[in-house]
Amino acid sequence: MPQNHEYQVTVKLDTQTRNTLATQGYALYGFKAVKTGATLGRPTVWFSWKNLLEENVVGWDPLYNAYISVASQKEGEAPAGLIDASTKRPIKIGQTMVVDKTGGVSVTAEGTPNCISVDNNSTTLYNTGLSQVNPNDGSATPLAAFPLHGDMTVTMEPLQQIILLFASATATQVSTVVEKAIGHGVFIDATENKKIEIPYVIDKGWDTGGKIYIEKIEKNQNIVGKLLKG
């Protein structure tokens, strides 16, 4: 698993915990937060991995892609299901990805400070969002999905906040919209604390150590508001 990233959260498991999670088919799932004024957005599974070690390093760097995908939802509905973020471009903070009338995309240096924007010059409804290299397999996978209407712009600010949880490896898959926590987890704000360690013990759960930047998440808790900040 990748190490020596700008941001790292190390999930520590004792031998019994690791063996139990591995033999009973659990995976570690991750979600990452985005700030935006766009409505009807939904978080997506950023990564999952089943090959658990006693020290599992969730590492990332502030490098992003902007994407668009075909919108399958009806007008006025939020994105749902599996998001295909294959139409994407590397993009920097302060830049804009422009969608032309045919669905082609390009990146311009003009944009909103501290944010990434996607500007739709077509009359087609797409879904859009940011994708980021995930700590499991190195592919860029979406963090969230937002409706992008024709002749409209969605502006997003990536945040260094994540949710981690353990759940069955078959509970869901990467790039899928999730509104409620599929297991007991933790919300971690790594904005100021870039190197964090957190233990998880079977039958006891997550040990936050009383740290104010770590908050427990209950199973079935709505996580939309934790991950998509207005």
Protein backbone atom coordinates (compact mmCIF):
# COMPACT_ATOMS: atom_id res chain seq x y z
CA MET A 1 0.00 0.00 0.00
CA PRO A 2 1.31 3.49 -0.85
CA GLN A 3 3.28 5.41 1.79
CA ASN A 4 5.11 8.74 2.17
CA HIS A 5 2.22 10.82 0.92
CA GLU A 6 1.46 14.34 2.10
CA TYR A 7 -1.53 13.00 4.04
CA GLN A 8 -1.45 9.61 5.76
CA VAL A 9 -3.86 7.84 8.08
CA THR A 10 -2.54 4.52 9.40
CA VAL A 11 -5.19 2.06 10.54
CA LYS A 12 -3.54 -0.27 13.06
CA LEU A 13 -4.88 -3.78 13.66
CA ASP A 14 -3.62 -6.31 16.17
CA THR A 15 -3.02 -9.84 14.90
CA GLN A 16 -6.35 -11.24 16.10
CA THR A 17 -8.29 -8.33 14.62
CA ARG A 18 -6.53 -8.57 11.26
CA ASN A 19 -7.05 -12.32 11.05
CA THR A 20 -10.72 -12.09 11.99
CA LEU A 21 -11.48 -9.31 9.49
CA ALA A 22 -9.61 -11.11 6.72
CA THR A 23 -11.09 -14.56 7.25
CA GLN A 24 -14.64 -13.25 7.65
CA GLY A 25 -14.53 -11.25 4.41
CA TYR A 26 -14.34 -7.65 5.58
CA ALA A 27 -12.86 -4.73 3.67
CA LEU A 28 -11.72 -1.23 4.60
CA TYR A 29 -13.79 1.43 2.79
CA GLY A 30 -12.88 5.07 2.33
CA PHE A 31 -14.79 8.24 1.43
CA LYS A 32 -13.44 11.78 0.98
CA ALA A 33 -15.08 15.17 1.54
CA VAL A 34 -15.77 18.00 -0.91
CA LYS A 35 -17.06 21.54 -0.29
CA THR A 36 -19.53 22.96 -2.82
CA GLY A 37 -22.63 25.04 -3.15
CA ALA A 38 -24.09 22.54 -5.63
CA THR A 39 -27.24 20.78 -4.46
CA LEU A 40 -28.35 17.16 -4.90
CA GLY A 41 -24.77 15.91 -4.73
CA ARG A 42 -24.00 12.49 -3.25
CA PRO A 43 -20.74 10.93 -1.97
CA THR A 44 -19.26 7.89 -3.67
CA VAL A 45 -17.01 5.11 -2.42
CA TRP A 46 -13.46 6.36 -2.97
CA PHE A 47 -11.69 3.06 -2.30
CA SER A 48 -11.97 -0.36 -0.70
CA TRP A 49 -9.37 -3.00 0.00
CA LYS A 50 -9.55 -6.54 1.27
CA ASN A 51 -5.84 -7.31 1.65
CA LEU A 52 -5.63 -6.08 5.21
CA LEU A 53 -2.33 -5.79 7.07
CA GLU A 54 -1.57 -5.00 10.69
CA GLU A 55 -0.71 -1.47 9.54
CA ASN A 56 -2.87 -0.13 6.69
CA VAL A 57 -1.65 3.20 5.33
CA VAL A 58 -4.34 5.34 3.71
CA GLY A 59 -2.22 7.91 1.89
CA TRP A 60 -3.05 10.65 -0.57
CA ASP A 61 -1.72 13.82 -2.18
CA PRO A 62 -3.64 16.95 -3.29
CA LEU A 63 -3.76 15.89 -6.96
CA TYR A 64 -7.12 15.80 -8.73
CA ASN A 65 -9.09 15.03 -11.86
CA ALA A 66 -12.37 16.60 -12.87
CA TYR A 67 -14.84 14.29 -14.62
CA ILE A 68 -18.22 14.12 -16.30
CA SER A 69 -20.43 11.07 -16.74
CA VAL A 70 -23.79 10.30 -18.31
CA ALA A 71 -26.60 11.25 -15.94
CA SER A 72 -29.12 8.42 -15.57
CA GLN A 73 -31.27 10.11 -12.92
CA LYS A 74 -34.44 12.04 -13.70
CA GLU A 75 -34.65 15.83 -13.58
CA GLY A 76 -34.49 17.06 -9.98
CA GLU A 77 -33.11 13.79 -8.62
CA ALA A 78 -29.71 13.12 -7.08
CA PRO A 79 -27.15 10.86 -8.78
CA ALA A 80 -27.43 7.19 -7.83
CA GLY A 81 -25.78 3.86 -8.54
CA LEU A 82 -22.37 3.35 -10.10
CA ILE A 83 -20.71 6.50 -11.47
CA ASP A 84 -18.61 6.11 -14.65
CA ALA A 85 -15.94 8.81 -14.30
CA SER A 86 -13.95 7.75 -17.35
CA THR A 87 -14.26 11.13 -19.11
CA LYS A 88 -11.81 13.05 -16.93
CA ARG A 89 -8.83 15.40 -17.06
CA PRO A 90 -6.05 16.19 -14.59
CA ILE A 91 -6.74 19.60 -13.11
CA LYS A 92 -5.20 21.99 -10.60
CA ILE A 93 -6.76 24.15 -7.93
CA GLY A 94 -8.01 27.37 -9.53
CA GLN A 95 -8.63 25.80 -12.96
CA THR A 96 -11.82 24.95 -14.87
CA MET A 97 -12.72 21.95 -17.02
CA VAL A 98 -14.91 23.09 -19.91
CA VAL A 99 -17.45 20.77 -21.54
CA ASP A 100 -18.16 21.68 -25.17
CA LYS A 101 -21.42 21.21 -27.06
CA THR A 102 -20.46 17.68 -28.13
CA GLY A 103 -19.32 16.47 -24.70
CA GLY A 104 -15.63 17.04 -25.32
CA VAL A 105 -13.63 18.33 -22.37
CA SER A 106 -10.61 20.61 -21.95
CA VAL A 107 -8.95 22.44 -19.06
CA THR A 108 -8.42 26.20 -18.86
CA ALA A 109 -6.28 28.11 -16.37
CA GLU A 110 -9.16 30.44 -15.54
CA GLY A 111 -11.24 29.56 -12.51
CA THR A 112 -12.19 30.22 -8.90
CA PRO A 113 -9.40 30.57 -6.30
CA ASN A 114 -8.99 27.53 -4.02
CA CYS A 115 -11.56 25.60 -6.08
CA ILE A 116 -12.00 23.45 -9.17
CA SER A 117 -14.88 24.15 -11.55
CA VAL A 118 -16.64 22.29 -14.36
CA ASP A 119 -18.41 24.50 -16.90
CA ASN A 120 -21.02 22.89 -19.18
CA ASN A 121 -21.42 24.67 -22.51
CA SER A 122 -23.78 22.01 -23.86
CA THR A 123 -27.51 21.48 -23.37
CA THR A 124 -26.98 17.99 -21.90
CA LEU A 125 -27.38 17.01 -18.25
CA TYR A 126 -24.26 15.27 -16.93
CA ASN A 127 -23.00 14.23 -13.54
CA THR A 128 -19.71 15.76 -12.48
CA GLY A 129 -17.26 15.82 -9.62
CA LEU A 130 -13.65 15.34 -8.58
CA SER A 131 -11.74 12.10 -8.74
CA GLN A 132 -8.51 11.35 -6.92
CA VAL A 133 -5.94 8.57 -6.90
CA ASN A 134 -7.20 6.03 -4.39
CA PRO A 135 -4.88 4.38 -1.86
CA ASN A 136 -5.72 0.84 -2.95
CA ASP A 137 -4.87 0.39 -6.63
CA GLY A 138 -3.64 3.80 -7.77
CA SER A 139 -6.57 4.52 -10.07
CA ALA A 140 -8.37 7.88 -9.98
CA THR A 141 -11.87 7.26 -8.62
CA PRO A 142 -14.68 9.75 -7.93
CA LEU A 143 -15.22 11.33 -4.52
CA ALA A 144 -18.78 12.46 -5.19
CA ALA A 145 -21.28 13.09 -7.98
CA PHE A 146 -23.25 16.30 -8.67
CA PRO A 147 -25.81 17.07 -11.37
CA LEU A 148 -24.33 19.39 -14.02
CA HIS A 149 -27.05 21.01 -16.09
CA GLY A 150 -26.57 22.53 -19.52
CA ASP A 151 -25.16 26.07 -19.53
CA MET A 152 -24.28 25.74 -15.82
CA THR A 153 -21.12 25.49 -13.71
CA VAL A 154 -20.34 23.39 -10.64
CA THR A 155 -17.55 24.67 -8.39
CA MET A 156 -15.91 22.39 -5.81
CA GLU A 157 -13.25 22.72 -3.13
CA PRO A 158 -11.49 19.46 -2.19
CA LEU A 159 -11.15 18.91 1.56
CA GLN A 160 -8.64 16.79 3.48
CA GLN A 161 -11.33 14.97 5.44
CA ILE A 162 -12.18 11.29 5.12
CA ILE A 163 -14.48 8.60 6.48
CA LEU A 164 -13.08 5.11 7.07
CA LEU A 165 -15.14 2.06 7.98
CA PHE A 166 -15.10 -1.71 7.88
CA ALA A 167 -17.89 -3.60 6.15
CA SER A 168 -18.41 -6.77 4.15
CA ALA A 169 -16.25 -6.80 1.02
CA THR A 170 -19.45 -7.39 -0.98
CA ALA A 171 -21.43 -4.52 0.61
CA THR A 172 -20.80 -2.13 -2.29
CA GLN A 173 -18.12 -1.20 -4.81
CA VAL A 174 -15.82 1.68 -5.63
CA SER A 175 -17.43 4.65 -7.45
CA THR A 176 -20.91 3.78 -6.15
CA VAL A 177 -23.15 6.42 -4.57
CA VAL A 178 -23.62 5.83 -0.83
CA GLU A 179 -25.79 7.97 1.43
CA LYS A 180 -25.62 6.04 4.72
CA ALA A 181 -22.65 4.45 6.46
CA ILE A 182 -22.45 0.76 5.60
CA GLY A 183 -20.56 0.03 8.83
CA HIS A 184 -19.25 1.62 12.01
CA GLY A 185 -16.54 4.10 11.10
CA VAL A 186 -14.67 7.30 11.83
CA PHE A 187 -14.68 10.79 10.32
CA ILE A 188 -11.12 12.14 10.29
CA ASP A 189 -10.11 15.75 9.63
CA ALA A 190 -6.51 15.63 8.37
CA THR A 191 -6.38 19.31 7.38
CA GLU A 192 -3.98 20.28 10.16
CA ASN A 193 -2.92 16.78 11.25
CA LYS A 194 -1.40 15.21 8.17
CA LYS A 195 0.03 12.06 9.80
CA ILE A 196 -2.49 10.17 11.94
CA GLU A 197 -2.59 6.72 13.51
CA ILE A 198 -5.82 5.10 14.68
CA PRO A 199 -6.28 1.58 16.11
CA TYR A 200 -9.24 -0.68 15.40
CA VAL A 201 -9.85 -3.69 17.66
CA ILE A 202 -12.32 -6.46 16.89
CA ASP A 203 -15.39 -6.43 19.20
CA LYS A 204 -14.31 -3.04 20.58
CA GLY A 205 -14.24 -0.84 17.50
CA TRP A 206 -12.32 2.32 16.66
CA ASP A 207 -10.11 3.93 19.29
CA THR A 208 -10.20 7.69 18.67
CA GLY A 209 -7.90 8.39 21.62
CA GLY A 210 -10.02 11.42 22.49
CA LYS A 211 -8.65 13.34 19.50
CA ILE A 212 -10.91 16.24 18.57
CA TYR A 213 -10.26 15.74 14.84
CA ILE A 214 -11.62 12.18 14.87
CA GLU A 215 -15.36 11.51 15.27
CA LYS A 216 -17.12 8.16 15.36
CA ILE A 217 -19.69 7.34 12.68
CA GLU A 218 -22.52 4.92 13.45
CA LYS A 219 -23.74 2.29 11.01
CA ASN A 220 -26.64 3.61 8.87
CA GLN A 221 -25.80 7.20 9.85
CA ASN A 222 -26.42 9.63 6.99
CA ILE A 223 -22.98 10.69 5.77
CA VAL A 224 -23.99 13.11 3.01
CA GLY A 225 -23.70 16.15 5.29
CA LYS A 226 -20.35 14.99 6.68
CA LEU A 227 -18.77 14.56 3.25
CA LEU A 228 -20.46 17.28 1.17
CA LYS A 229 -20.08 20.65 2.86
CA GLY A 230 -22.14 23.60 1.70
